[in-house]
């Protein structure tokens, strides 16, 4: 009975291993279609600049999988299938562990993915020749009618997650209890999974940073007037809305005005309905204070820029009213979170600075004592 359980468990492991190989073959084939059938002709028609926006570093990704990973998976499969129990103490985990760090090359592709898709959509809407090219390539007779180019562009975005899911399936079904060798291989499986997860996490984080910077840039580009520079490596976009804004300065209280409001991780900013810059409040020295209305929140500001008060007066308060109590509650919570995170980062920087100063003092003291001793 125990032997049957083990054979059944290894049968499931073999299914996962077979799926890794099968999906790798399909993935390489689809990347070849994307590159050879679509991207090379697009670059030829539209030029290198537009071609590079859509292509990214896809060729490097294709070469990694076509010339390195797939051949080694094929060789491994052929070797394991000669054994009485294939994939009992060896498998794709060894390869994925070895090449897991290389998956970080996907970052460049993922960062440029949205721009690539936007470029394709823009060309389809503006260029008949481009639209005709896509349709001609799709119906070219490559074994079957091809998918739309956007479907192929999405595939690299999903591959690393697919490896992770398949490895998790193998780990769950692998009978590590049968022998010390099996237990050792189970550890390799887990180590391989961690490397794949690390690459996936790195790629996702970099993609989020790039998307956030892109959002900040787009907001900055549509704002008119003397707006401070918004694009910065550490600045991320959080949310936007429409609302009524009142700015109270040390010299006068403004009237409520329809505005567009923006929340970043380090500041709150508002413009007119036509995107003209009106003011911003930095979280370095700001806090939320009570507001009388359930539809509004209030920021007490120390460091700010207010375009309408050209008399040099400082903003004391900014009162912001949004459409509903629910949305106000969400906005208050979001602002509070960002202010709290900002203060934590500031506290961490100050602590590191103090630690650095103490270290410098200790080093200087030791150096002084050493020189006194030598004298």
Foldseek 3Di string as FASTA:
>chain_A
DVVVLQLVLLVQLVVLQVVVLVVLVVLLVLLCLLVVLPLVVCCVVVHDVLSCLQCFVSVVVSCCSVVPLNVVSVVLVVVQVVDPRRPQQDGCLVVLLVCLVVLLSCLRLLLSLVSNVVSLVVCCVPPPVSVVSQCCSQPVPPVDRHDRSNVSSCVSVCVLVSVLVSLVSSLVSRPCPPDVSSVVSSVSSVSSSVSSVVSNVSSVVSNQLSVQLVVQVVLVVQADDDDPDRRDSPKGWDDKAWWWKWWQWPVGTGDTAIWIWTDILFKIFIAHPSRYGFKMAGLPPKDWDDDPDLQKTKIAGDDMDGPVCPVPTGTGMMIIGHDDSVVRVVVNVVVRVSSVVVVVVVVVVVVVVVVVVVVVVVVVVVVVVVVVVVD
